[in-house]
Amino acid sequence: MIIMTTALILAGGKSSRMGQDKAVMLGGVERIQRECRMANISRVITLCGSEIRRDRFPGEVWVDPTECNGLIDVISWALEQINDDVLMIPCDAFNLTSKGICALIKLDNCIPTDKDGIRQPLHARISNKSQINWQATSVNELFVNFPDYQNTALAQEFTNFNSPEDLRNHR
């Protein structure tokens, strides 16, 4: 049996620290979708948050269920819906390219580290869902059992951008 990888783009946040919608900045979700296609990922799902955001994104878009309270609930719900392996990608992964995506999809469960050596759980590579801590109260705890993936040549690709100051240091 061939196991496929589904990319799950997280694009439902308010981007309050950034001051603008990160899901559309610097090519946004559409750029990430292109990078996924270049990495031969055939299924890309965008988690858009509320219904009013659905039309902002092309392709397969899922609205967060009303019974979900926060990111952990949304991630857990989405993972339960997908039978494939999963690669999570935050919409503010402005440096992520198909090269970084290809490196991750070749691996089993892992959390890549960024250029500062910090674990980036929103970039989780999920191949064995039984290793997820389903009782977690934070995203870090959700993937506490996953090993780090450290690759200094690709670490910049797994950097997230949360503020205008982060953007000034882009790439």
Protein backbone atom coordinates (compact mmCIF):
# COMPACT_ATOMS: atom_id res chain seq x y z
CA MET A 1 0.00 0.00 0.00
CA ILE A 2 1.32 3.43 -0.95
CA ILE A 3 1.02 6.06 1.76
CA MET A 4 0.40 9.55 0.46
CA THR A 5 1.16 12.78 2.25
CA THR A 6 -1.46 15.48 2.65
CA ALA A 7 -0.27 19.03 3.31
CA LEU A 8 -2.37 20.86 5.86
CA ILE A 9 -1.92 24.64 5.61
CA LEU A 10 -2.87 26.49 8.79
CA ALA A 11 -4.41 29.79 7.67
CA GLY A 12 -7.15 30.57 10.17
CA GLY A 13 -5.35 32.90 12.56
CA LYS A 14 -6.06 36.54 13.19
CA SER A 15 -2.46 37.70 12.55
CA SER A 16 -2.94 40.32 15.26
CA ARG A 17 0.79 40.74 16.04
CA MET A 18 1.61 41.08 12.34
CA GLY A 19 -1.12 43.65 11.77
CA GLN A 20 -2.21 42.10 8.47
CA ASP A 21 -3.40 38.71 7.23
CA LYS A 22 -0.30 36.49 7.01
CA ALA A 23 -2.21 34.00 4.86
CA VAL A 24 -2.02 36.39 1.89
CA MET A 25 1.37 38.02 2.51
CA LEU A 26 4.41 37.28 0.31
CA GLY A 27 2.43 34.98 -1.98
CA GLY A 28 0.61 33.47 1.00
CA VAL A 29 -1.29 30.23 0.80
CA GLU A 30 -1.13 30.14 -3.00
CA ARG A 31 2.69 30.20 -2.91
CA ILE A 32 2.74 27.38 -0.36
CA GLN A 33 0.32 25.38 -2.51
CA ARG A 34 2.66 25.79 -5.52
CA GLU A 35 5.65 24.65 -3.44
CA CYS A 36 3.66 21.60 -2.35
CA ARG A 37 2.80 20.72 -5.96
CA MET A 38 6.48 21.09 -6.90
CA ALA A 39 7.22 18.59 -4.10
CA ASN A 40 4.66 16.19 -5.64
CA ILE A 41 2.12 16.51 -2.85
CA SER A 42 -1.20 15.96 -4.58
CA ARG A 43 -3.56 16.85 -1.73
CA VAL A 44 -3.30 20.23 -0.07
CA ILE A 45 -5.95 21.33 2.42
CA THR A 46 -6.16 24.86 3.75
CA LEU A 47 -7.70 25.29 7.19
CA CYS A 48 -9.18 28.77 6.82
CA GLY A 49 -10.71 29.46 10.22
CA SER A 50 -14.19 30.90 9.87
CA GLU A 51 -16.64 30.56 7.00
CA ILE A 52 -16.08 34.19 5.95
CA ARG A 53 -12.44 33.32 5.07
CA ARG A 54 -13.27 30.31 2.86
CA ASP A 55 -13.37 32.23 -0.43
CA ARG A 56 -9.94 33.81 0.16
CA PHE A 57 -8.17 30.59 -0.75
CA PRO A 58 -8.15 28.35 -3.81
CA GLY A 59 -8.34 24.56 -3.75
CA GLU A 60 -9.60 22.35 -0.95
CA VAL A 61 -10.52 24.59 1.97
CA TRP A 62 -11.92 23.48 5.33
CA VAL A 63 -13.72 25.73 7.78
CA ASP A 64 -12.95 25.17 11.46
CA PRO A 65 -15.82 23.26 13.11
CA THR A 66 -17.82 25.36 15.56
CA GLU A 67 -17.20 22.81 18.33
CA CYS A 68 -13.44 23.40 18.15
CA ASN A 69 -12.04 25.79 20.73
CA GLY A 70 -8.61 26.86 19.59
CA LEU A 71 -5.77 25.61 17.47
CA ILE A 72 -5.20 22.31 19.29
CA ASP A 73 -8.82 21.30 18.77
CA VAL A 74 -8.71 22.28 15.08
CA ILE A 75 -5.46 20.39 14.44
CA SER A 76 -6.74 17.31 16.29
CA TRP A 77 -10.04 17.41 14.40
CA ALA A 78 -8.31 17.78 11.02
CA LEU A 79 -5.85 14.96 11.71
CA GLU A 80 -8.75 12.66 12.56
CA GLN A 81 -10.28 13.39 9.12
CA ILE A 82 -7.15 12.52 7.13
CA ASN A 83 -6.01 8.94 6.54
CA ASP A 84 -2.75 9.93 4.84
CA ASP A 85 0.50 11.00 6.41
CA VAL A 86 0.37 14.74 7.08
CA LEU A 87 2.74 17.65 6.72
CA MET A 88 1.50 20.71 8.59
CA ILE A 89 2.52 24.10 7.21
CA PRO A 90 1.74 27.43 8.86
CA CYS A 91 0.69 30.18 6.46
CA ASP A 92 3.59 32.32 7.70
CA ALA A 93 6.20 29.85 6.44
CA PHE A 94 7.44 32.56 4.06
CA ASN A 95 10.81 30.85 3.53
CA LEU A 96 9.49 27.34 2.93
CA THR A 97 10.24 25.89 -0.51
CA SER A 98 9.70 22.56 -2.20
CA LYS A 99 13.22 21.61 -1.08
CA GLY A 100 12.24 21.82 2.60
CA ILE A 101 8.93 20.08 1.92
CA CYS A 102 10.67 17.22 0.07
CA ALA A 103 13.14 16.78 2.92
CA LEU A 104 10.32 16.50 5.48
CA ILE A 105 8.08 14.13 3.53
CA LYS A 106 10.93 11.62 3.31
CA LEU A 107 10.98 11.37 7.12
CA ASP A 108 8.82 9.78 9.75
CA ASN A 109 7.31 11.71 12.65
CA CYS A 110 9.44 14.76 13.37
CA ILE A 111 9.44 18.43 14.24
CA PRO A 112 11.92 20.56 12.30
CA THR A 113 13.98 23.15 14.10
CA ASP A 114 14.44 26.67 12.77
CA LYS A 115 17.64 28.68 12.31
CA ASP A 116 17.76 29.33 16.06
CA GLY A 117 17.40 25.63 16.91
CA ILE A 118 13.81 26.12 18.13
CA ARG A 119 11.29 23.34 17.50
CA GLN A 120 8.57 24.38 15.08
CA PRO A 121 5.58 22.11 15.80
CA LEU A 122 3.38 23.87 13.24
CA HIS A 123 5.68 22.29 10.63
CA ALA A 124 5.09 18.79 12.06
CA ARG A 125 5.65 15.77 9.83
CA ILE A 126 3.13 13.16 10.95
CA SER A 127 3.51 9.58 9.79
CA ASN A 128 2.33 7.73 12.92
CA LYS A 129 -0.63 9.36 14.64
CA SER A 130 -0.41 6.95 17.57
CA GLN A 131 2.58 9.00 18.77
CA ILE A 132 0.48 12.16 19.11
CA ASN A 133 -0.33 13.25 22.66
CA TRP A 134 -4.09 13.63 22.17
CA GLN A 135 -4.52 14.98 25.73
CA ALA A 136 -2.21 17.94 25.04
CA THR A 137 -3.02 21.45 26.19
CA SER A 138 -0.53 23.12 23.82
CA VAL A 139 0.68 22.51 20.29
CA ASN A 140 4.15 21.71 21.66
CA GLU A 141 2.64 19.04 23.92
CA LEU A 142 0.66 17.58 21.01
CA PHE A 143 3.94 16.53 19.36
CA VAL A 144 6.09 16.07 22.48
CA ASN A 145 6.91 12.47 21.43
CA PHE A 146 8.21 13.50 18.00
CA PRO A 147 11.98 13.83 17.57
CA ASP A 148 13.66 17.00 16.33
CA TYR A 149 14.70 17.26 12.71
CA GLN A 150 17.80 19.42 12.58
CA ASN A 151 19.15 20.37 9.20
CA THR A 152 21.28 23.51 9.21
CA ALA A 153 21.09 23.82 5.42
CA LEU A 154 17.26 23.95 5.57
CA ALA A 155 16.65 25.47 9.01
CA GLN A 156 15.80 28.90 7.57
CA GLU A 157 12.88 27.30 5.69
CA PHE A 158 11.17 26.39 8.95
CA THR A 159 11.16 29.90 10.39
CA ASN A 160 7.79 31.45 11.21
CA PHE A 161 7.04 35.18 11.04
CA ASN A 162 4.88 36.69 13.75
CA SER A 163 5.62 40.40 13.67
CA PRO A 164 6.69 43.18 11.30
CA GLU A 165 10.13 43.00 12.93
CA ASP A 166 10.44 39.36 11.86
CA LEU A 167 9.68 40.43 8.30
CA ARG A 168 12.49 42.97 8.31
CA ASN A 169 14.87 40.05 8.89
CA HIS A 170 13.18 37.97 6.14
CA ARG A 171 15.64 35.57 4.48
